[in-house]
Amino acid sequence: MLVHLIDGTYELFRHFYALPAAVNQEGEPIAAARGVAVSVLGLLREGATHVAVATDQVIESFRNDLWPGYKTGEGIDSDLWSQFPLVEEALAALGVVVWAMVEFEADDALAAGAAMAAADPRVEEVWICSPDKDLAQCVLDGRVVQYDRRRRQRIDRSGVRARFGVDPESIPDFLALVGDSADGYPGLPGWGAKSASAVLAHYRHLEAIPDLPHRWEVDVRGAKRLASTLAENREQAMLFRHLATLRRDAPVSSSVDELEWRGPIPALVEMAARLEAPDLVAQAEEVARDRR
């Protein structure tokens, strides 16, 4: 079986900014949530059988306690923010498993779900449907890939290496050095993608990089300055790596059997009316009938 794990937060943002705004008769913004529901139904129509969607029920997580600059919900458009619970309800009515995160983040759920599914010998491959760079650390040869649904691009281990210059196992170290502006931590001064990938391609992890540049076994421009920066900020770099490392103990389903799509539930009738998507019920039931 093929398991699809979808980044619901990314999908909601993507549809919010790609689609014209729309409100229902009650004045409730619905365009993005409706777009995600239709998109996930399209995936089911294409043959997906085992699906889960991870969302950030709240934007903050345990990482905000570790780094004061970590991302928050500040600045998110209120019309977008209001559709988080709506999309969770819509997908649940569609019969799709939703992992709504509170203490953890959606990416943690995707990492935990991928690890759970990859451990099942019945699973041929797990597709993490998100282009987010931190999820590259989950890629596992012959078991887990990233899939960018918008570009229809499948990213395996060689794809991660081509994009970042390092293997999946080194992605948290890479992000610790270069930072992640989307998540709100800056990385180390002077370190860029080229220098980080060159050093980590050889040493793989932060703790293996010598403090003294003359001990480096890789030729990198500005090695003396980079080594000094790392030596002076190694503790902070380790914190950034901790922030970048996805938690595979996030609360998700315990078995891939729980992810099997069995069709919509009765609540979809009311939800379709709320989304002003009159064809949603008939389309979902048609896909379900085709499975029988």
C-alpha atoms as a PDB file:
ATOM      1  CA  MET A   1       0.000   0.000   0.000  1.00  0.00           C
ATOM      2  CA  LEU A   2       0.973   3.629  -0.517  1.00  0.00           C
ATOM      3  CA  VAL A   3       0.418   6.019   2.411  1.00  0.00           C
ATOM      4  CA  HIS A   4      -0.202   9.727   1.800  1.00  0.00           C
ATOM      5  CA  LEU A   5       0.505  12.150   4.657  1.00  0.00           C
ATOM      6  CA  ILE A   6      -0.576  15.696   3.868  1.00  0.00           C
ATOM      7  CA  ASP A   7       0.627  18.969   5.376  1.00  0.00           C
ATOM      8  CA  GLY A   8      -2.761  20.533   6.013  1.00  0.00           C
ATOM      9  CA  THR A   9      -1.327  23.811   7.264  1.00  0.00           C
ATOM     10  CA  TYR A  10       0.701  24.278   4.075  1.00  0.00           C
ATOM     11  CA  GLU A  11      -2.333  23.362   1.962  1.00  0.00           C
ATOM     12  CA  LEU A  12      -4.544  25.835   3.801  1.00  0.00           C
ATOM     13  CA  PHE A  13      -2.043  28.673   3.322  1.00  0.00           C
ATOM     14  CA  ARG A  14      -1.547  27.723  -0.326  1.00  0.00           C
ATOM     15  CA  HIS A  15      -5.254  27.721  -1.113  1.00  0.00           C
ATOM     16  CA  PHE A  16      -5.893  30.897   0.884  1.00  0.00           C
ATOM     17  CA  TYR A  17      -3.477  32.892  -1.232  1.00  0.00           C
ATOM     18  CA  ALA A  18      -4.268  31.133  -4.517  1.00  0.00           C
ATOM     19  CA  LEU A  19      -8.069  31.339  -4.506  1.00  0.00           C
ATOM     20  CA  PRO A  20     -10.442  34.314  -4.572  1.00  0.00           C
ATOM     21  CA  ALA A  21     -11.915  35.043  -1.161  1.00  0.00           C
ATOM     22  CA  ALA A  22     -15.388  33.689  -0.478  1.00  0.00           C
ATOM     23  CA  VAL A  23     -17.791  33.730   2.450  1.00  0.00           C
ATOM     24  CA  ASN A  24     -20.913  31.701   3.087  1.00  0.00           C
ATOM     25  CA  GLN A  25     -24.353  33.052   3.950  1.00  0.00           C
ATOM     26  CA  GLU A  26     -23.309  33.434   7.572  1.00  0.00           C
ATOM     27  CA  GLY A  27     -20.350  35.581   6.556  1.00  0.00           C
ATOM     28  CA  GLU A  28     -17.827  32.866   7.365  1.00  0.00           C
ATOM     29  CA  PRO A  29     -14.651  32.758   5.191  1.00  0.00           C
ATOM     30  CA  ILE A  30     -14.652  29.397   3.399  1.00  0.00           C
ATOM     31  CA  ALA A  31     -12.594  29.536   0.201  1.00  0.00           C
ATOM     32  CA  ALA A  32      -9.352  28.011   1.513  1.00  0.00           C
ATOM     33  CA  ALA A  33     -11.029  25.269   3.564  1.00  0.00           C
ATOM     34  CA  ARG A  34     -13.243  24.369   0.627  1.00  0.00           C
ATOM     35  CA  GLY A  35     -10.214  24.314  -1.662  1.00  0.00           C
ATOM     36  CA  VAL A  36      -8.323  21.940   0.624  1.00  0.00           C
ATOM     37  CA  ALA A  37     -11.324  19.610   0.946  1.00  0.00           C
ATOM     38  CA  VAL A  38     -11.745  19.475  -2.825  1.00  0.00           C
ATOM     39  CA  SER A  39      -8.006  18.936  -3.274  1.00  0.00           C
ATOM     40  CA  VAL A  40      -7.899  16.022  -0.830  1.00  0.00           C
ATOM     41  CA  LEU A  41     -10.962  14.499  -2.481  1.00  0.00           C
ATOM     42  CA  GLY A  42      -9.083  14.781  -5.767  1.00  0.00           C
ATOM     43  CA  LEU A  43      -6.219  12.782  -4.255  1.00  0.00           C
ATOM     44  CA  LEU A  44      -8.688  10.095  -3.203  1.00  0.00           C
ATOM     45  CA  ARG A  45     -10.194  10.121  -6.673  1.00  0.00           C
ATOM     46  CA  GLU A  46      -6.699   9.490  -8.078  1.00  0.00           C
ATOM     47  CA  GLY A  47      -6.499   6.308  -6.019  1.00  0.00           C
ATOM     48  CA  ALA A  48      -5.081   7.214  -2.607  1.00  0.00           C
ATOM     49  CA  THR A  49      -6.287   4.639  -0.078  1.00  0.00           C
ATOM     50  CA  HIS A  50      -4.523   5.477   3.200  1.00  0.00           C
ATOM     51  CA  VAL A  51      -4.480   9.182   4.019  1.00  0.00           C
ATOM     52  CA  ALA A  52      -3.920  11.477   6.987  1.00  0.00           C
ATOM     53  CA  VAL A  53      -3.759  15.268   7.175  1.00  0.00           C
ATOM     54  CA  ALA A  54      -1.728  17.084   9.838  1.00  0.00           C
ATOM     55  CA  THR A  55      -2.646  20.608  10.932  1.00  0.00           C
ATOM     56  CA  ASP A  56      -1.457  23.189  13.432  1.00  0.00           C
ATOM     57  CA  GLN A  57      -4.498  23.612  15.632  1.00  0.00           C
ATOM     58  CA  VAL A  58      -2.466  26.340  17.340  1.00  0.00           C
ATOM     59  CA  ILE A  59       0.647  27.829  15.761  1.00  0.00           C
ATOM     60  CA  GLU A  60       2.724  27.885  18.929  1.00  0.00           C
ATOM     61  CA  SER A  61       4.383  24.695  20.198  1.00  0.00           C
ATOM     62  CA  PHE A  62       6.921  23.520  22.777  1.00  0.00           C
ATOM     63  CA  ARG A  63       9.603  25.172  20.620  1.00  0.00           C
ATOM     64  CA  ASN A  64       8.360  28.636  21.622  1.00  0.00           C
ATOM     65  CA  ASP A  65       9.528  27.875  25.168  1.00  0.00           C
ATOM     66  CA  LEU A  66      13.020  27.094  23.864  1.00  0.00           C
ATOM     67  CA  TRP A  67      13.602  30.083  21.581  1.00  0.00           C
ATOM     68  CA  PRO A  68      11.851  33.454  22.072  1.00  0.00           C
ATOM     69  CA  GLY A  69      11.934  34.292  18.371  1.00  0.00           C
ATOM     70  CA  TYR A  70      10.256  31.085  17.239  1.00  0.00           C
ATOM     71  CA  LYS A  71       7.251  31.533  14.947  1.00  0.00           C
ATOM     72  CA  THR A  72       3.869  32.469  16.398  1.00  0.00           C
ATOM     73  CA  GLY A  73       0.446  33.135  14.989  1.00  0.00           C
ATOM     74  CA  GLU A  74       1.096  36.875  14.985  1.00  0.00           C
ATOM     75  CA  GLY A  75       0.391  38.471  11.639  1.00  0.00           C
ATOM     76  CA  ILE A  76      -1.744  35.662  10.225  1.00  0.00           C
ATOM     77  CA  ASP A  77      -4.761  37.019   8.374  1.00  0.00           C
ATOM     78  CA  SER A  78      -7.864  36.573  10.518  1.00  0.00           C
ATOM     79  CA  ASP A  79      -9.793  35.152   7.543  1.00  0.00           C
ATOM     80  CA  LEU A  80      -7.095  32.486   7.184  1.00  0.00           C
ATOM     81  CA  TRP A  81      -6.846  31.830  10.898  1.00  0.00           C
ATOM     82  CA  SER A  82     -10.594  31.233  11.179  1.00  0.00           C
ATOM     83  CA  GLN A  83     -10.428  28.446   8.589  1.00  0.00           C
ATOM     84  CA  PHE A  84      -8.086  26.172  10.547  1.00  0.00           C
ATOM     85  CA  PRO A  85     -10.879  24.557  12.608  1.00  0.00           C
ATOM     86  CA  LEU A  86     -13.151  24.633   9.574  1.00  0.00           C
ATOM     87  CA  VAL A  87     -10.758  22.644   7.390  1.00  0.00           C
ATOM     88  CA  GLU A  88     -10.237  20.127  10.195  1.00  0.00           C
ATOM     89  CA  GLU A  89     -13.999  19.605  10.477  1.00  0.00           C
ATOM     90  CA  ALA A  90     -14.420  19.431   6.711  1.00  0.00           C
ATOM     91  CA  LEU A  91     -11.739  16.765   6.281  1.00  0.00           C
ATOM     92  CA  ALA A  92     -13.093  14.736   9.185  1.00  0.00           C
ATOM     93  CA  ALA A  93     -16.558  14.841   7.579  1.00  0.00           C
ATOM     94  CA  LEU A  94     -14.968  13.688   4.352  1.00  0.00           C
ATOM     95  CA  GLY A  95     -13.822  10.641   6.305  1.00  0.00           C
ATOM     96  CA  VAL A  96     -10.136  11.550   6.337  1.00  0.00           C
ATOM     97  CA  VAL A  97      -7.993  11.159   9.460  1.00  0.00           C
ATOM     98  CA  VAL A  98      -6.868  14.531  10.834  1.00  0.00           C
ATOM     99  CA  TRP A  99      -3.946  15.005  13.210  1.00  0.00           C
ATOM    100  CA  ALA A 100      -4.570  18.426  14.794  1.00  0.00           C
ATOM    101  CA  MET A 101      -1.480  19.414  16.765  1.00  0.00           C
ATOM    102  CA  VAL A 102      -1.426  21.545  19.909  1.00  0.00           C
ATOM    103  CA  GLU A 103       1.829  20.969  21.815  1.00  0.00           C
ATOM    104  CA  PHE A 104       3.606  19.754  18.685  1.00  0.00           C
ATOM    105  CA  GLU A 105       3.551  21.033  15.094  1.00  0.00           C
ATOM    106  CA  ALA A 106       2.023  19.579  11.955  1.00  0.00           C
ATOM    107  CA  ASP A 107       5.508  18.713  10.690  1.00  0.00           C
ATOM    108  CA  ASP A 108       6.128  16.682  13.857  1.00  0.00           C
ATOM    109  CA  ALA A 109       2.939  14.747  13.169  1.00  0.00           C
ATOM    110  CA  LEU A 110       4.044  14.072   9.593  1.00  0.00           C
ATOM    111  CA  ALA A 111       7.423  12.834  10.835  1.00  0.00           C
ATOM    112  CA  ALA A 112       5.804  10.622  13.472  1.00  0.00           C
ATOM    113  CA  GLY A 113       3.235   9.312  11.000  1.00  0.00           C
ATOM    114  CA  ALA A 114       5.907   8.557   8.423  1.00  0.00           C
ATOM    115  CA  ALA A 115       7.956   6.620  10.971  1.00  0.00           C
ATOM    116  CA  MET A 116       4.876   4.658  12.056  1.00  0.00           C
ATOM    117  CA  ALA A 117       3.857   3.814   8.505  1.00  0.00           C
ATOM    118  CA  ALA A 118       7.374   3.010   7.282  1.00  0.00           C
ATOM    119  CA  ALA A 119       7.720   0.446  10.069  1.00  0.00           C
ATOM    120  CA  ASP A 120       4.788  -1.539   8.648  1.00  0.00           C
ATOM    121  CA  PRO A 121       6.026  -4.136   6.134  1.00  0.00           C
ATOM    122  CA  ARG A 122       2.754  -3.881   4.212  1.00  0.00           C
ATOM    123  CA  VAL A 123       3.549  -0.297   3.268  1.00  0.00           C
ATOM    124  CA  GLU A 124       5.408   0.028  -0.021  1.00  0.00           C
ATOM    125  CA  GLU A 125       6.156   3.730   0.370  1.00  0.00           C
ATOM    126  CA  VAL A 126       5.125   6.759   2.414  1.00  0.00           C
ATOM    127  CA  TRP A 127       4.583  10.058   0.605  1.00  0.00           C
ATOM    128  CA  ILE A 128       4.873  13.186   2.747  1.00  0.00           C
ATOM    129  CA  CYS A 129       2.902  15.686   0.695  1.00  0.00           C
ATOM    130  CA  SER A 130       4.703  18.932   1.456  1.00  0.00           C
ATOM    131  CA  PRO A 131       7.648  20.843   0.003  1.00  0.00           C
ATOM    132  CA  ASP A 132       8.786  22.158   3.404  1.00  0.00           C
ATOM    133  CA  LYS A 133      12.543  21.829   3.735  1.00  0.00           C
ATOM    134  CA  ASP A 134      12.564  20.554   7.329  1.00  0.00           C
ATOM    135  CA  LEU A 135      10.558  17.501   6.238  1.00  0.00           C
ATOM    136  CA  ALA A 136      13.483  16.429   4.051  1.00  0.00           C
ATOM    137  CA  GLN A 137      14.962  14.876   7.197  1.00  0.00           C
ATOM    138  CA  CYS A 138      12.212  12.233   7.074  1.00  0.00           C
ATOM    139  CA  VAL A 139      13.197  10.865   3.663  1.00  0.00           C
ATOM    140  CA  LEU A 140      14.262   7.239   3.942  1.00  0.00           C
ATOM    141  CA  ASP A 141      15.612   5.126   1.102  1.00  0.00           C
ATOM    142  CA  GLY A 142      12.926   2.908  -0.350  1.00  0.00           C
ATOM    143  CA  ARG A 143      10.432   3.839   2.379  1.00  0.00           C
ATOM    144  CA  VAL A 144       9.683   7.567   2.713  1.00  0.00           C
ATOM    145  CA  VAL A 145       9.738  10.357   0.112  1.00  0.00           C
ATOM    146  CA  GLN A 146       8.553  13.939  -0.061  1.00  0.00           C
ATOM    147  CA  TYR A 147       6.004  14.796  -2.709  1.00  0.00           C
ATOM    148  CA  ASP A 148       5.271  18.302  -3.902  1.00  0.00           C
ATOM    149  CA  ARG A 149       1.697  17.996  -5.163  1.00  0.00           C
ATOM    150  CA  ARG A 150       1.699  21.399  -6.843  1.00  0.00           C
ATOM    151  CA  ARG A 151       4.777  20.608  -8.947  1.00  0.00           C
ATOM    152  CA  ARG A 152       4.079  16.867  -9.041  1.00  0.00           C
ATOM    153  CA  GLN A 153       7.656  16.350  -7.903  1.00  0.00           C
ATOM    154  CA  ARG A 154       8.783  13.276  -5.991  1.00  0.00           C
ATOM    155  CA  ILE A 155      11.841  13.874  -3.790  1.00  0.00           C
ATOM    156  CA  ASP A 156      13.856  10.864  -2.654  1.00  0.00           C
ATOM    157  CA  ARG A 157      17.264  10.690  -0.973  1.00  0.00           C
ATOM    158  CA  SER A 158      19.112  11.762  -4.104  1.00  0.00           C
ATOM    159  CA  GLY A 159      16.661  14.621  -4.507  1.00  0.00           C
ATOM    160  CA  VAL A 160      17.390  15.845  -0.981  1.00  0.00           C
ATOM    161  CA  ARG A 161      21.105  15.662  -1.699  1.00  0.00           C
ATOM    162  CA  ALA A 162      20.646  17.566  -4.954  1.00  0.00           C
ATOM    163  CA  ARG A 163      18.665  20.329  -3.242  1.00  0.00           C
ATOM    164  CA  PHE A 164      20.688  20.760  -0.054  1.00  0.00           C
ATOM    165  CA  GLY A 165      24.028  19.086  -0.708  1.00  0.00           C
ATOM    166  CA  VAL A 166      23.587  16.821   2.327  1.00  0.00           C
ATOM    167  CA  ASP A 167      21.778  13.598   3.181  1.00  0.00           C
ATOM    168  CA  PRO A 168      18.417  13.631   4.995  1.00  0.00           C
ATOM    169  CA  GLU A 169      20.079  12.783   8.310  1.00  0.00           C
ATOM    170  CA  SER A 170      22.018  16.064   8.182  1.00  0.00           C
ATOM    171  CA  ILE A 171      19.063  18.366   7.460  1.00  0.00           C
ATOM    172  CA  PRO A 172      18.607  19.472  11.124  1.00  0.00           C
ATOM    173  CA  ASP A 173      22.341  20.274  11.303  1.00  0.00           C
ATOM    174  CA  PHE A 174      22.108  22.155   8.003  1.00  0.00           C
ATOM    175  CA  LEU A 175      19.167  24.241   9.216  1.00  0.00           C
ATOM    176  CA  ALA A 176      20.946  24.907  12.511  1.00  0.00           C
ATOM    177  CA  LEU A 177      23.823  26.519  10.627  1.00  0.00           C
ATOM    178  CA  VAL A 178      21.889  28.446   7.947  1.00  0.00           C
ATOM    179  CA  GLY A 179      18.740  29.144   9.972  1.00  0.00           C
ATOM    180  CA  ASP A 180      15.097  29.016   8.980  1.00  0.00           C
ATOM    181  CA  SER A 181      13.413  32.394   8.618  1.00  0.00           C
ATOM    182  CA  ALA A 182       9.970  30.778   8.321  1.00  0.00           C
ATOM    183  CA  ASP A 183      10.381  29.224  11.764  1.00  0.00           C
ATOM    184  CA  GLY A 184      12.112  32.233  13.297  1.00  0.00           C
ATOM    185  CA  TYR A 185      15.666  31.174  14.136  1.00  0.00           C
ATOM    186  CA  PRO A 186      18.626  32.806  12.406  1.00  0.00           C
ATOM    187  CA  GLY A 187      21.384  30.205  12.174  1.00  0.00           C
ATOM    188  CA  LEU A 188      25.008  31.199  12.770  1.00  0.00           C
ATOM    189  CA  PRO A 189      26.615  34.385  11.420  1.00  0.00           C
ATOM    190  CA  GLY A 190      28.588  33.843   8.240  1.00  0.00           C
ATOM    191  CA  TRP A 191      27.262  30.379   7.519  1.00  0.00           C
ATOM    192  CA  GLY A 192      25.406  29.995   4.236  1.00  0.00           C
ATOM    193  CA  ALA A 193      23.980  27.116   2.271  1.00  0.00           C
ATOM    194  CA  LYS A 194      27.188  26.469   0.324  1.00  0.00           C
ATOM    195  CA  SER A 195      29.505  26.402   3.322  1.00  0.00           C
ATOM    196  CA  ALA A 196      27.069  24.386   5.455  1.00  0.00           C
ATOM    197  CA  SER A 197      26.506  21.749   2.771  1.00  0.00           C
ATOM    198  CA  ALA A 198      30.232  21.455   2.020  1.00  0.00           C
ATOM    199  CA  VAL A 199      31.152  20.929   5.669  1.00  0.00           C
ATOM    200  CA  LEU A 200      28.231  18.677   6.553  1.00  0.00           C
ATOM    201  CA  ALA A 201      28.635  16.556   3.434  1.00  0.00           C
ATOM    202  CA  HIS A 202      31.905  15.464   5.054  1.00  0.00           C
ATOM    203  CA  TYR A 203      31.189  15.644   8.812  1.00  0.00           C
ATOM    204  CA  ARG A 204      27.411  14.972   8.692  1.00  0.00           C
ATOM    205  CA  HIS A 205      26.675  16.358  12.184  1.00  0.00           C
ATOM    206  CA  LEU A 206      27.614  19.432  14.208  1.00  0.00           C
ATOM    207  CA  GLU A 207      29.463  17.610  16.962  1.00  0.00           C
ATOM    208  CA  ALA A 208      31.829  16.044  14.445  1.00  0.00           C
ATOM    209  CA  ILE A 209      33.029  19.409  13.086  1.00  0.00           C
ATOM    210  CA  PRO A 210      36.376  20.351  14.717  1.00  0.00           C
ATOM    211  CA  ASP A 211      36.656  23.727  16.440  1.00  0.00           C
ATOM    212  CA  LEU A 212      40.072  24.333  14.901  1.00  0.00           C
ATOM    213  CA  PRO A 213      40.048  25.062  11.146  1.00  0.00           C
ATOM    214  CA  HIS A 214      43.426  23.446  10.494  1.00  0.00           C
ATOM    215  CA  ARG A 215      41.844  20.153  11.500  1.00  0.00           C
ATOM    216  CA  TRP A 216      39.102  20.450   8.896  1.00  0.00           C
ATOM    217  CA  GLU A 217      39.321  17.814   6.211  1.00  0.00           C
ATOM    218  CA  VAL A 218      37.322  19.870   3.735  1.00  0.00           C
ATOM    219  CA  ASP A 219      38.318  22.960   1.760  1.00  0.00           C
ATOM    220  CA  VAL A 220      35.835  25.762   2.435  1.00  0.00           C
ATOM    221  CA  ARG A 221      36.295  29.448   1.766  1.00  0.00           C
ATOM    222  CA  GLY A 222      36.580  31.395   5.019  1.00  0.00           C
ATOM    223  CA  ALA A 223      37.134  28.242   7.061  1.00  0.00           C
ATOM    224  CA  LYS A 224      38.917  30.091   9.856  1.00  0.00           C
ATOM    225  CA  ARG A 225      36.036  32.527  10.327  1.00  0.00           C
ATOM    226  CA  LEU A 226      33.404  29.804  10.093  1.00  0.00           C
ATOM    227  CA  ALA A 227      35.202  27.579  12.568  1.00  0.00           C
ATOM    228  CA  SER A 228      35.529  30.482  15.000  1.00  0.00           C
ATOM    229  CA  THR A 229      31.844  31.295  14.702  1.00  0.00           C
ATOM    230  CA  LEU A 230      30.864  27.689  15.312  1.00  0.00           C
ATOM    231  CA  ALA A 231      33.228  27.352  18.280  1.00  0.00           C
ATOM    232  CA  GLU A 232      31.818  30.493  19.891  1.00  0.00           C
ATOM    233  CA  ASN A 233      28.181  29.576  19.195  1.00  0.00           C
ATOM    234  CA  ARG A 234      28.183  25.795  19.356  1.00  0.00           C
ATOM    235  CA  GLU A 235      25.656  25.692  22.199  1.00  0.00           C
ATOM    236  CA  GLN A 236      23.284  27.909  20.231  1.00  0.00           C
ATOM    237  CA  ALA A 237      23.815  25.798  17.121  1.00  0.00           C
ATOM    238  CA  MET A 238      22.828  22.707  19.084  1.00  0.00           C
ATOM    239  CA  LEU A 239      19.680  24.513  20.245  1.00  0.00           C
ATOM    240  CA  PHE A 240      18.817  25.436  16.655  1.00  0.00           C
ATOM    241  CA  ARG A 241      19.318  21.808  15.642  1.00  0.00           C
ATOM    242  CA  HIS A 242      16.948  20.781  18.415  1.00  0.00           C
ATOM    243  CA  LEU A 243      14.374  23.229  17.049  1.00  0.00           C
ATOM    244  CA  ALA A 244      14.861  21.840  13.529  1.00  0.00           C
ATOM    245  CA  THR A 245      14.633  18.194  14.563  1.00  0.00           C
ATOM    246  CA  LEU A 246      11.125  16.853  14.047  1.00  0.00           C
ATOM    247  CA  ARG A 247       9.586  14.874  16.891  1.00  0.00           C
ATOM    248  CA  ARG A 248       8.636  11.361  15.957  1.00  0.00           C
ATOM    249  CA  ASP A 249       6.777  10.940  19.251  1.00  0.00           C
ATOM    250  CA  ALA A 250       3.995  13.361  18.293  1.00  0.00           C
ATOM    251  CA  PRO A 251       0.515  11.891  18.922  1.00  0.00           C
ATOM    252  CA  VAL A 252      -0.707  10.265  15.706  1.00  0.00           C
ATOM    253  CA  SER A 253      -2.555   7.099  14.717  1.00  0.00           C
ATOM    254  CA  SER A 254      -1.088   3.868  16.018  1.00  0.00           C
ATOM    255  CA  SER A 255      -1.560   1.865  12.814  1.00  0.00           C
ATOM    256  CA  VAL A 256      -1.835   2.448   9.084  1.00  0.00           C
ATOM    257  CA  ASP A 257      -5.117   0.548   9.224  1.00  0.00           C
ATOM    258  CA  GLU A 258      -6.620   3.620  10.905  1.00  0.00           C
ATOM    259  CA  LEU A 259      -5.700   5.696   7.836  1.00  0.00           C
ATOM    260  CA  GLU A 260      -7.717   3.684   5.327  1.00  0.00           C
ATOM    261  CA  TRP A 261     -10.339   5.873   3.704  1.00  0.00           C
ATOM    262  CA  ARG A 262     -13.781   4.270   3.879  1.00  0.00           C
ATOM    263  CA  GLY A 263     -15.883   7.107   2.531  1.00  0.00           C
ATOM    264  CA  PRO A 264     -17.539  10.241   3.947  1.00  0.00           C
ATOM    265  CA  ILE A 265     -19.572  10.339   7.133  1.00  0.00           C
ATOM    266  CA  PRO A 266     -23.117  11.809   7.402  1.00  0.00           C
ATOM    267  CA  ALA A 267     -21.726  15.101   8.744  1.00  0.00           C
ATOM    268  CA  LEU A 268     -20.467  15.877   5.252  1.00  0.00           C
ATOM    269  CA  VAL A 269     -23.999  16.893   4.172  1.00  0.00           C
ATOM    270  CA  GLU A 270     -24.079  19.774   6.649  1.00  0.00           C
ATOM    271  CA  MET A 271     -20.436  20.614   6.016  1.00  0.00           C
ATOM    272  CA  ALA A 272     -20.957  20.783   2.236  1.00  0.00           C
ATOM    273  CA  ALA A 273     -23.764  23.262   2.800  1.00  0.00           C
ATOM    274  CA  ARG A 274     -21.542  25.322   5.107  1.00  0.00           C
ATOM    275  CA  LEU A 275     -18.781  25.325   2.493  1.00  0.00           C
ATOM    276  CA  GLU A 276     -21.308  26.068  -0.239  1.00  0.00           C
ATOM    277  CA  ALA A 277     -19.985  23.072  -2.138  1.00  0.00           C
ATOM    278  CA  PRO A 278     -23.210  21.319  -3.230  1.00  0.00           C
ATOM    279  CA  ASP A 279     -21.438  18.655  -5.303  1.00  0.00           C
ATOM    280  CA  LEU A 280     -19.025  17.590  -2.565  1.00  0.00           C
ATOM    281  CA  VAL A 281     -21.249  14.885  -1.060  1.00  0.00           C
ATOM    282  CA  ALA A 282     -22.154  13.256  -4.372  1.00  0.00           C
ATOM    283  CA  GLN A 283     -18.536  13.322  -5.535  1.00  0.00           C
ATOM    284  CA  ALA A 284     -17.247  11.786  -2.300  1.00  0.00           C
ATOM    285  CA  GLU A 285     -19.909   9.071  -2.376  1.00  0.00           C
ATOM    286  CA  GLU A 286     -19.072   8.323  -6.016  1.00  0.00           C
ATOM    287  CA  VAL A 287     -15.393   7.803  -5.157  1.00  0.00           C
ATOM    288  CA  ALA A 288     -16.408   5.591  -2.236  1.00  0.00           C
ATOM    289  CA  ARG A 289     -18.691   3.479  -4.458  1.00  0.00           C
ATOM    290  CA  ASP A 290     -15.883   2.967  -6.952  1.00  0.00           C
ATOM    291  CA  ARG A 291     -13.801   1.439  -4.146  1.00  0.00           C
ATOM    292  CA  ARG A 292     -16.372  -1.222  -3.320  1.00  0.00           C
END
